[in-house]
Amino acid sequence: MLELDSGGGHQASIRRNITTGLERSILARPRDLMWDWTIFVNLFPDPITRTEEVRTCWSEARTQLGFPDIADATPASNEQVSYP
């Protein structure tokens, strides 16, 4: 959705999270963990460290929410994005 800024002709792109229920909980927990880590542990991490921490936050959130056995992706999904 595009929205005009009060300053005139500048357009700002706004993405809204319209998830509800269980999906919102699944997305909110890793986000909260990532914010806590970024603010209190490492405010400006390098890209490799940040990627590793995102993976850790997703894994920790999955365990905390009671979904430890859910795979990150199905084999069909992995096949779609893998390089031949």
Protein backbone atom coordinates (compact mmCIF):
# COMPACT_ATOMS: atom_id res chain seq x y z
CA MET A 1 0.00 0.00 0.00
CA LEU A 2 1.36 3.43 -0.88
CA GLU A 3 0.70 6.39 1.31
CA LEU A 4 1.52 10.02 0.74
CA ASP A 5 3.77 11.65 3.27
CA SER A 6 2.62 14.95 4.78
CA GLY A 7 5.66 16.57 3.18
CA GLY A 8 4.20 16.48 -0.32
CA GLY A 9 5.05 14.13 -3.15
CA HIS A 10 7.14 11.59 -1.24
CA GLN A 11 5.61 8.10 -1.18
CA ALA A 12 6.24 5.74 1.70
CA SER A 13 5.72 2.02 1.36
CA ILE A 14 4.01 0.47 4.37
CA ARG A 15 3.80 -3.27 4.93
CA ARG A 16 1.23 -4.40 7.45
CA ASN A 17 1.19 -7.72 9.20
CA ILE A 18 -2.39 -8.92 8.90
CA THR A 19 -1.88 -12.36 10.44
CA THR A 20 -4.20 -13.60 13.17
CA GLY A 21 -4.45 -16.40 15.70
CA LEU A 22 -1.80 -19.09 15.77
CA GLU A 23 0.09 -17.64 12.80
CA ARG A 24 0.50 -14.31 14.65
CA SER A 25 1.86 -16.12 17.73
CA ILE A 26 4.30 -18.10 15.61
CA LEU A 27 5.60 -14.89 14.00
CA ALA A 28 5.59 -12.74 17.13
CA ARG A 29 7.74 -14.94 19.38
CA PRO A 30 10.85 -15.09 17.13
CA ARG A 31 10.47 -11.36 16.44
CA ASP A 32 10.46 -10.63 20.18
CA LEU A 33 13.50 -12.85 20.75
CA MET A 34 15.35 -11.16 17.89
CA TRP A 35 14.54 -7.68 19.23
CA ASP A 36 15.78 -8.66 22.71
CA TRP A 37 19.01 -10.07 21.31
CA THR A 38 19.62 -7.06 19.06
CA ILE A 39 18.92 -4.47 21.75
CA PHE A 40 20.60 -6.15 24.74
CA VAL A 41 23.34 -8.33 23.25
CA ASN A 42 24.61 -7.05 19.91
CA LEU A 43 23.19 -3.85 18.47
CA PHE A 44 25.22 -3.93 15.23
CA PRO A 45 26.05 -7.56 14.34
CA ASP A 46 27.79 -8.59 11.16
CA PRO A 47 25.59 -10.39 8.57
CA ILE A 48 26.80 -13.89 9.47
CA THR A 49 26.17 -13.39 13.18
CA ARG A 50 22.73 -11.94 12.51
CA THR A 51 21.80 -14.87 10.23
CA GLU A 52 22.91 -17.37 12.88
CA GLU A 53 20.91 -15.56 15.55
CA VAL A 54 17.76 -15.47 13.38
CA ARG A 55 18.02 -19.24 13.01
CA THR A 56 18.55 -19.62 16.77
CA CYS A 57 15.55 -17.37 17.56
CA TRP A 58 13.28 -19.35 15.22
CA SER A 59 14.43 -22.62 16.78
CA GLU A 60 13.99 -21.34 20.34
CA ALA A 61 10.55 -19.89 19.55
CA ARG A 62 9.45 -23.16 17.96
CA THR A 63 10.45 -25.02 21.13
CA GLN A 64 8.81 -22.47 23.46
CA LEU A 65 5.55 -22.59 21.49
CA GLY A 66 5.50 -26.38 21.63
CA PHE A 67 6.35 -27.14 18.01
CA PRO A 68 9.80 -28.78 18.35
CA ASP A 69 9.17 -31.42 15.70
CA ILE A 70 7.97 -29.14 12.91
CA ALA A 71 10.50 -29.11 10.10
CA ASP A 72 11.73 -25.78 8.77
CA ALA A 73 10.53 -26.67 5.28
CA THR A 74 8.99 -29.58 3.47
CA PRO A 75 11.09 -31.51 0.95
CA ALA A 76 8.92 -30.08 -1.85
CA SER A 77 9.67 -26.53 -0.67
CA ASN A 78 13.38 -27.24 -0.48
CA GLU A 79 13.29 -28.68 -3.98
CA GLN A 80 11.65 -25.52 -5.34
CA VAL A 81 14.35 -23.23 -4.00
CA SER A 82 17.43 -25.43 -4.39
CA TYR A 83 19.98 -24.75 -7.06
CA PRO A 84 20.39 -27.65 -9.54
